[in-house]
Protein backbone atom coordinates (compact mmCIF):
# COMPACT_ATOMS: atom_id res chain seq x y z
CA MET A 1 29.13 4.87 25.68
CA SER A 2 30.85 2.38 27.94
CA GLU A 3 29.14 -0.49 29.70
CA ASP A 4 29.60 1.13 33.14
CA TRP A 5 29.15 4.75 34.09
CA ASN A 6 28.98 6.69 37.32
CA THR A 7 25.89 8.54 38.45
CA LYS A 8 25.12 10.37 41.65
CA TYR A 9 23.51 7.14 42.88
CA GLY A 10 26.55 4.98 42.12
CA THR A 11 27.87 2.90 39.25
CA ARG A 12 25.26 1.85 36.67
CA ARG A 13 25.61 -1.03 34.27
CA VAL A 14 23.58 -1.99 31.19
CA ARG A 15 23.15 -5.60 30.24
CA ARG A 16 23.09 -6.11 26.48
CA ASP A 17 21.64 -9.38 25.20
CA PRO A 18 21.40 -10.04 21.47
CA PRO A 19 17.91 -11.12 20.33
CA THR A 20 17.11 -14.78 19.91
CA LEU A 21 16.50 -16.05 16.41
CA GLU A 22 12.74 -16.27 17.05
CA GLU A 23 12.66 -12.67 18.27
CA ALA A 24 14.60 -11.47 15.24
CA ILE A 25 12.25 -13.32 12.88
CA PHE A 26 9.21 -11.92 14.70
CA ALA A 27 10.58 -8.39 14.29
CA ALA A 28 11.32 -8.99 10.60
CA VAL A 29 7.81 -10.33 9.98
CA GLY A 30 6.41 -7.13 11.45
CA ILE A 31 8.47 -5.01 9.07
CA THR A 32 7.91 -6.73 5.71
CA ASP A 33 5.97 -9.55 4.08
CA ASP A 34 8.74 -10.71 1.72
CA GLN A 35 10.50 -13.82 3.07
CA ASN A 36 13.89 -12.93 1.56
CA GLU A 37 13.84 -9.49 3.15
CA GLN A 38 12.73 -11.04 6.46
CA ALA A 39 15.72 -13.37 6.32
CA GLU A 40 18.08 -10.45 5.59
CA ILE A 41 16.69 -8.38 8.48
CA ALA A 42 16.82 -11.28 10.95
CA ALA A 43 20.35 -12.22 9.83
CA SER A 44 21.57 -8.65 10.31
CA LEU A 45 20.00 -8.47 13.78
CA MET A 46 21.60 -11.74 14.83
CA GLY A 47 24.91 -11.44 12.98
CA LEU A 48 24.38 -14.84 11.37
CA PRO A 49 24.79 -15.89 7.73
CA ILE A 50 21.63 -15.44 5.67
CA GLU A 51 21.56 -19.12 4.61
CA THR A 52 21.10 -20.21 8.22
CA VAL A 53 18.25 -17.79 8.83
CA THR A 54 16.39 -18.40 5.54
CA ALA A 55 15.33 -21.92 6.50
CA GLU A 56 14.05 -20.73 9.89
CA VAL A 57 12.09 -17.86 8.30
CA LYS A 58 10.40 -20.23 5.86
CA ARG A 59 9.55 -22.63 8.70
CA ALA A 60 8.15 -19.82 10.85
CA ASN A 61 6.02 -18.45 7.99
CA ARG A 62 4.70 -21.91 7.23
CA LEU A 63 3.69 -22.47 10.85
CA THR A 64 1.98 -19.09 11.27
CA ALA A 65 0.12 -19.39 7.97
CA ARG A 66 -1.17 -22.80 8.92
CA SER A 67 -2.29 -21.86 12.43
CA THR A 68 -4.09 -18.54 11.82
CA THR A 69 -6.31 -19.16 8.78
CA ARG A 70 -9.04 -21.78 8.61
CA VAL A 71 -11.15 -22.57 5.55
CA ILE A 72 -14.75 -23.43 6.33
CA ALA A 73 -17.23 -24.79 3.80
CA GLY A 74 -20.28 -22.57 3.92
CA GLU A 75 -23.61 -22.71 2.19
CA GLN A 76 -23.77 -24.49 -1.16
CA GLY A 77 -20.17 -25.71 -0.81
CA ALA A 78 -18.65 -22.22 -1.09
CA GLN A 79 -15.45 -21.76 0.88
CA ARG A 80 -14.72 -18.77 3.04
CA SER A 81 -11.72 -17.95 5.16
CA VAL A 82 -11.93 -17.30 8.86
CA VAL A 83 -8.99 -15.65 10.58
CA VAL A 84 -8.52 -16.64 14.21
CA GLU A 85 -6.49 -14.28 16.35
CA ARG A 86 -5.55 -14.82 19.95
CA ARG A 87 -6.06 -11.79 22.15
CA VAL A 88 -4.07 -11.56 25.36
CA ILE A 89 -5.86 -9.97 28.30
CA ARG A 90 -3.62 -8.63 31.00
CA LYS A 91 -4.81 -8.77 34.56
CA PHE A 92 -3.11 -6.62 37.12
CA GLY A 93 -2.82 -7.37 40.81
CA ASN A 94 -4.16 -3.97 41.86
CA ASP A 95 -7.58 -4.34 40.18
CA LYS A 96 -9.30 -4.88 43.54
CA ARG A 97 -9.20 -1.28 44.64
CA THR A 98 -11.44 -0.16 47.43
CA GLY A 99 -12.21 3.40 48.28
CA THR A 100 -12.75 6.36 46.01
């Protein structure tokens, strides 16, 4: 399909932006846990050589692993892991409805 096409409402155009490297890595992390496969997926999405992407995938995995898991010393010196997840709450502008 071409970039422009005619409809009954006029000419329509689709803007196609390739994903950023961070977006490609985020998508690859959601698909698999293996770092090599993540690098291959992200490289294919971006059209970059796999060597360039591998370093970024390792850096991203290191940062996410460090920021989401905390080890807390419990009773009698035993360690337990606590996973902290950030939950995004969306607020909409039309929440203040009056009437029925």
